[in-house]
């Protein structure tokens, strides 16, 4: 009888240890899942921020490109105005020379 009681005691103790290990494992699993959830949320936030930053930089790049194009157009217009003015000066010089020559 005593030996059977000892085996029962060992079996109960082993079951207690097994339940304790399972509880500890479940607790650790829960903690790790929470950490994983937090890490995934942080990654999602970083991804969203990167998309936001990328959109900002794309807008800034487009704005700068548009500004460059506008400045190029402005320079081209001024260049055309100067060429027109130089052509007008040449015509006036020619007209003045002709008028002076005819006198």
N, C-alpha and C. Protein backbone atom coordinates (compact mmCIF):
# COMPACT_ATOMS: atom_id res chain seq x y z
N UNK A 1 0.77 -1.19 0.00
CA UNK A 1 0.00 0.00 0.00
C UNK A 1 0.82 1.27 0.00
N UNK A 2 1.91 1.27 0.78
CA UNK A 2 2.69 2.49 0.88
C UNK A 2 3.35 2.82 -0.45
N UNK A 3 3.80 1.80 -1.14
CA UNK A 3 4.43 2.02 -2.44
C UNK A 3 3.43 2.58 -3.43
N UNK A 4 2.19 2.07 -3.41
CA UNK A 4 1.16 2.59 -4.30
C UNK A 4 0.83 4.05 -3.96
N UNK A 5 0.79 4.35 -2.67
CA UNK A 5 0.55 5.75 -2.26
C UNK A 5 1.68 6.65 -2.76
N UNK A 6 2.91 6.14 -2.68
CA UNK A 6 4.05 6.91 -3.15
C UNK A 6 3.94 7.17 -4.66
N UNK A 7 3.56 6.14 -5.42
CA UNK A 7 3.39 6.30 -6.87
C UNK A 7 2.28 7.32 -7.17
N UNK A 8 1.18 7.23 -6.41
CA UNK A 8 0.10 8.21 -6.59
C UNK A 8 0.59 9.62 -6.29
N UNK A 9 1.37 9.75 -5.20
CA UNK A 9 1.93 11.06 -4.84
C UNK A 9 2.82 11.59 -5.96
N UNK A 10 3.69 10.72 -6.49
CA UNK A 10 4.60 11.14 -7.57
C UNK A 10 3.78 11.54 -8.81
N UNK A 11 2.75 10.70 -9.14
CA UNK A 11 1.91 11.01 -10.30
C UNK A 11 1.21 12.36 -10.10
N UNK A 12 0.65 12.63 -8.93
CA UNK A 12 -0.01 13.91 -8.65
C UNK A 12 0.99 15.06 -8.72
N UNK A 13 2.16 14.83 -8.15
CA UNK A 13 3.19 15.88 -8.17
C UNK A 13 3.62 16.17 -9.62
N UNK A 14 3.82 15.11 -10.39
CA UNK A 14 4.18 15.30 -11.81
C UNK A 14 3.08 16.05 -12.56
N UNK A 15 1.83 15.72 -12.25
CA UNK A 15 0.71 16.43 -12.89
C UNK A 15 0.70 17.91 -12.48
N UNK A 16 0.98 18.18 -11.19
CA UNK A 16 1.06 19.56 -10.73
C UNK A 16 2.18 20.31 -11.48
N UNK A 17 3.32 19.65 -11.63
CA UNK A 17 4.44 20.26 -12.34
C UNK A 17 4.05 20.52 -13.79
N UNK A 18 3.40 19.53 -14.41
CA UNK A 18 2.97 19.67 -15.80
C UNK A 18 1.97 20.82 -15.95
N UNK A 19 1.01 20.91 -15.05
CA UNK A 19 0.03 22.01 -15.09
C UNK A 19 0.75 23.35 -14.90
N UNK A 20 1.70 23.38 -13.98
CA UNK A 20 2.46 24.61 -13.75
C UNK A 20 3.25 25.02 -14.98
N UNK A 21 3.88 24.04 -15.64
CA UNK A 21 4.62 24.33 -16.88
C UNK A 21 3.69 24.84 -17.98
N UNK A 22 2.51 24.19 -18.09
CA UNK A 22 1.55 24.61 -19.12
C UNK A 22 1.05 26.02 -18.83
N UNK A 23 0.78 26.31 -17.54
CA UNK A 23 0.34 27.66 -17.17
C UNK A 23 1.42 28.69 -17.48
N UNK A 24 2.65 28.34 -17.12
CA UNK A 24 3.77 29.26 -17.37
C UNK A 24 3.94 29.47 -18.88
N UNK A 25 3.84 28.37 -19.65
CA UNK A 25 3.97 28.48 -21.11
C UNK A 25 2.86 29.34 -21.69
N UNK A 26 1.64 29.17 -21.19
CA UNK A 26 0.51 29.96 -21.69
C UNK A 26 0.71 31.43 -21.35
N UNK A 27 1.19 31.70 -20.13
CA UNK A 27 1.46 33.08 -19.73
C UNK A 27 2.55 33.69 -20.60
N UNK A 28 3.62 32.93 -20.85
CA UNK A 28 4.72 33.41 -21.69
C UNK A 28 4.24 33.62 -23.13
N UNK A 29 3.42 32.70 -23.63
CA UNK A 29 2.86 32.83 -24.98
C UNK A 29 2.03 34.11 -25.08
N UNK A 30 1.20 34.36 -24.07
CA UNK A 30 0.37 35.56 -24.07
C UNK A 30 1.25 36.82 -24.08
N UNK A 31 2.28 36.82 -23.22
CA UNK A 31 3.19 37.97 -23.16
C UNK A 31 3.88 38.20 -24.51
N UNK A 32 4.35 37.12 -25.12
CA UNK A 32 5.04 37.24 -26.41
C UNK A 32 4.09 37.69 -27.52
N UNK A 33 2.85 37.21 -27.48
CA UNK A 33 1.85 37.66 -28.46
C UNK A 33 1.57 39.15 -28.31
N UNK A 34 1.52 39.62 -27.06
CA UNK A 34 1.31 41.06 -26.83
C UNK A 34 2.51 41.85 -27.36
N UNK A 35 3.73 41.35 -27.12
CA UNK A 35 4.92 42.01 -27.64
C UNK A 35 4.90 42.04 -29.17
N UNK A 36 4.49 40.93 -29.76
CA UNK A 36 4.39 40.84 -31.22
C UNK A 36 3.37 41.84 -31.75
N UNK A 37 2.23 41.94 -31.07
CA UNK A 37 1.19 42.88 -31.47
C UNK A 37 1.73 44.32 -31.40
N UNK A 38 2.46 44.62 -30.32
CA UNK A 38 3.05 45.95 -30.16
C UNK A 38 4.08 46.22 -31.24
N UNK A 39 4.92 45.23 -31.53
CA UNK A 39 5.95 45.40 -32.57
C UNK A 39 5.30 45.59 -33.94
N UNK A 40 4.26 44.81 -34.22
CA UNK A 40 3.56 44.96 -35.51
C UNK A 40 2.91 46.34 -35.63
N UNK A 41 2.35 46.83 -34.53
CA UNK A 41 1.74 48.17 -34.54
C UNK A 41 2.82 49.22 -34.79
N UNK A 42 3.98 49.06 -34.15
CA UNK A 42 5.07 50.00 -34.36
C UNK A 42 5.53 49.97 -35.81
N UNK A 43 5.65 48.79 -36.38
CA UNK A 43 6.04 48.68 -37.79
C UNK A 43 5.00 49.33 -38.71
N UNK A 44 3.73 49.11 -38.38
CA UNK A 44 2.65 49.71 -39.17
C UNK A 44 2.72 51.24 -39.08
N UNK A 45 2.98 51.75 -37.88
CA UNK A 45 3.10 53.20 -37.69
C UNK A 45 4.29 53.74 -38.49
N UNK A 46 5.42 53.01 -38.44
CA UNK A 46 6.61 53.44 -39.18
C UNK A 46 6.31 53.42 -40.68
N UNK A 47 5.65 52.38 -41.16
CA UNK A 47 5.30 52.26 -42.57
C UNK A 47 4.40 53.43 -42.99
N UNK A 48 3.39 53.70 -42.15
CA UNK A 48 2.47 54.80 -42.45
C UNK A 48 3.23 56.13 -42.47
N UNK A 49 4.12 56.33 -41.49
CA UNK A 49 4.92 57.56 -41.45
C UNK A 49 5.80 57.67 -42.68
N UNK A 50 6.40 56.53 -43.09
CA UNK A 50 7.24 56.55 -44.29
C UNK A 50 6.43 56.92 -45.52
N UNK A 51 5.21 56.39 -45.61
CA UNK A 51 4.35 56.75 -46.75
C UNK A 51 4.02 58.24 -46.71
N UNK A 52 3.74 58.74 -45.51
CA UNK A 52 3.43 60.16 -45.36
C UNK A 52 4.64 61.01 -45.75
N UNK A 53 5.82 60.61 -45.24
CA UNK A 53 7.04 61.34 -45.58
C UNK A 53 7.32 61.27 -47.08
N UNK A 54 7.12 60.10 -47.66
CA UNK A 54 7.35 59.93 -49.09
C UNK A 54 6.41 60.84 -49.89
N UNK A 55 5.16 60.91 -49.47
CA UNK A 55 4.20 61.78 -50.15
C UNK A 55 4.62 63.24 -50.03
N UNK A 56 5.09 63.64 -48.84
CA UNK A 56 5.57 65.01 -48.65
C UNK A 56 6.74 65.32 -49.56
N UNK A 57 7.71 64.38 -49.61
CA UNK A 57 8.89 64.60 -50.44
C UNK A 57 8.52 64.59 -51.93
N UNK A 58 7.56 63.75 -52.30
CA UNK A 58 7.10 63.76 -53.70
C UNK A 58 6.47 65.10 -54.05
N UNK A 59 5.64 65.63 -53.14
CA UNK A 59 5.02 66.94 -53.37
C UNK A 59 6.09 68.02 -53.45
N UNK A 60 7.06 67.96 -52.53
CA UNK A 60 8.13 68.96 -52.53
C UNK A 60 8.93 68.87 -53.82
N UNK A 61 9.23 67.65 -54.26
CA UNK A 61 9.97 67.46 -55.51
C UNK A 61 9.17 68.02 -56.69
N UNK A 62 7.88 67.72 -56.72
CA UNK A 62 7.04 68.24 -57.80
C UNK A 62 6.98 69.76 -57.77
N UNK A 63 6.86 70.33 -56.57
CA UNK A 63 6.82 71.79 -56.45
C UNK A 63 8.13 72.42 -56.91
N UNK A 64 9.24 71.81 -56.52
CA UNK A 64 10.54 72.33 -56.95
C UNK A 64 10.70 72.21 -58.47
N UNK A 65 10.26 71.08 -59.02
CA UNK A 65 10.34 70.90 -60.47
C UNK A 65 9.49 71.95 -61.18
N UNK A 66 8.30 72.21 -60.65
CA UNK A 66 7.42 73.21 -61.24
C UNK A 66 8.06 74.60 -61.13
N UNK A 67 8.68 74.87 -59.99
CA UNK A 67 9.35 76.15 -59.80
C UNK A 67 10.49 76.32 -60.80
N UNK A 68 11.26 75.24 -61.01
CA UNK A 68 12.35 75.29 -62.00
C UNK A 68 11.78 75.58 -63.39
N UNK A 69 10.70 74.88 -63.75
CA UNK A 69 10.09 75.08 -65.06
C UNK A 69 9.57 76.51 -65.20
N UNK A 70 8.96 77.04 -64.14
CA UNK A 70 8.47 78.42 -64.19
C UNK A 70 9.62 79.41 -64.35
N UNK A 71 10.71 79.17 -63.63
CA UNK A 71 11.88 80.06 -63.75
C UNK A 71 12.46 79.97 -65.16
N UNK A 72 12.52 78.74 -65.71
CA UNK A 72 13.01 78.58 -67.08
C UNK A 72 12.14 79.35 -68.07
N UNK A 73 10.82 79.27 -67.87
CA UNK A 73 9.90 80.01 -68.76
C UNK A 73 10.10 81.51 -68.60
N UNK A 74 10.30 81.94 -67.36
CA UNK A 74 10.52 83.36 -67.09
C UNK A 74 11.80 83.84 -67.79
N UNK A 75 12.87 83.06 -67.68
CA UNK A 75 14.14 83.42 -68.33
C UNK A 75 13.96 83.44 -69.85
N UNK A 76 13.24 82.44 -70.37
CA UNK A 76 13.00 82.39 -71.82
C UNK A 76 12.20 83.62 -72.28
N UNK A 77 11.21 84.00 -71.49
CA UNK A 77 10.42 85.18 -71.84
C UNK A 77 11.30 86.44 -71.82
N UNK A 78 12.12 86.58 -70.77
CA UNK A 78 13.01 87.74 -70.69
C UNK A 78 14.01 87.75 -71.84
N UNK A 79 14.50 86.57 -72.19
CA UNK A 79 15.44 86.46 -73.30
C UNK A 79 14.76 86.91 -74.60
N UNK A 80 13.52 86.45 -74.80
CA UNK A 80 12.77 86.86 -75.99
C UNK A 80 12.51 88.37 -75.99
N UNK A 81 12.19 88.91 -74.81
CA UNK A 81 11.97 90.36 -74.72
C UNK A 81 13.25 91.12 -75.08
N UNK A 82 14.39 90.61 -74.59
CA UNK A 82 15.68 91.27 -74.90
C UNK A 82 15.99 91.17 -76.39
N UNK A 83 15.76 89.99 -76.97
CA UNK A 83 16.00 89.81 -78.41
C UNK A 83 15.10 90.74 -79.22
N UNK A 84 13.84 90.86 -78.80
CA UNK A 84 12.92 91.75 -79.50
C UNK A 84 13.41 93.20 -79.38
N UNK A 85 13.83 93.58 -78.15
CA UNK A 85 14.32 94.95 -77.93
C UNK A 85 15.58 95.21 -78.76
N UNK A 86 16.50 94.26 -78.83
CA UNK A 86 17.72 94.41 -79.64
C UNK A 86 17.37 94.55 -81.12
N UNK A 87 16.40 93.74 -81.55
CA UNK A 87 15.96 93.85 -82.95
C UNK A 87 15.34 95.22 -83.20
N UNK A 88 14.56 95.69 -82.28
CA UNK A 88 13.92 97.02 -82.42
C UNK A 88 15.00 98.11 -82.45
N UNK A 89 16.03 97.99 -81.58
CA UNK A 89 17.14 98.96 -81.57
C UNK A 89 17.85 98.96 -82.91
N UNK A 90 18.10 97.76 -83.44
CA UNK A 90 18.77 97.67 -84.75
C UNK A 90 17.94 98.36 -85.82
N UNK A 91 16.64 98.15 -85.80
CA UNK A 91 15.76 98.78 -86.80
C UNK A 91 15.78 100.30 -86.64
N UNK A 92 15.76 100.75 -85.37
CA UNK A 92 15.79 102.19 -85.13
C UNK A 92 17.13 102.79 -85.57
N UNK A 93 18.23 102.06 -85.30
CA UNK A 93 19.56 102.54 -85.74
C UNK A 93 19.60 102.65 -87.26
N UNK A 94 19.06 101.62 -87.93
CA UNK A 94 19.05 101.63 -89.40
C UNK A 94 18.21 102.80 -89.91
N UNK A 95 17.07 103.00 -89.29
CA UNK A 95 16.20 104.11 -89.71
C UNK A 95 16.88 105.44 -89.45
N UNK A 96 17.58 105.57 -88.30
CA UNK A 96 18.28 106.81 -87.98
C UNK A 96 19.41 107.06 -88.97
N UNK A 97 20.18 106.01 -89.29
CA UNK A 97 21.29 106.16 -90.25
C UNK A 97 20.73 106.57 -91.62
N UNK A 98 19.63 105.95 -92.03
CA UNK A 98 19.03 106.29 -93.31
C UNK A 98 18.54 107.73 -93.30
N UNK A 99 17.91 108.11 -92.21
CA UNK A 99 17.40 109.49 -92.13
C UNK A 99 18.54 110.47 -92.13
N UNK A 100 19.65 110.19 -91.42
CA UNK A 100 20.80 111.09 -91.40
C UNK A 100 21.46 111.11 -92.77
N UNK A 101 21.52 110.02 -93.42
CA UNK A 101 22.15 109.96 -94.74
C UNK A 101 21.35 110.73 -95.77
N UNK A 102 20.04 110.67 -95.62
CA UNK A 102 19.19 111.36 -96.59
C UNK A 102 19.24 112.88 -96.39
N UNK A 103 19.67 113.35 -95.27
CA UNK A 103 19.75 114.79 -95.03
C UNK A 103 20.92 115.29 -95.76
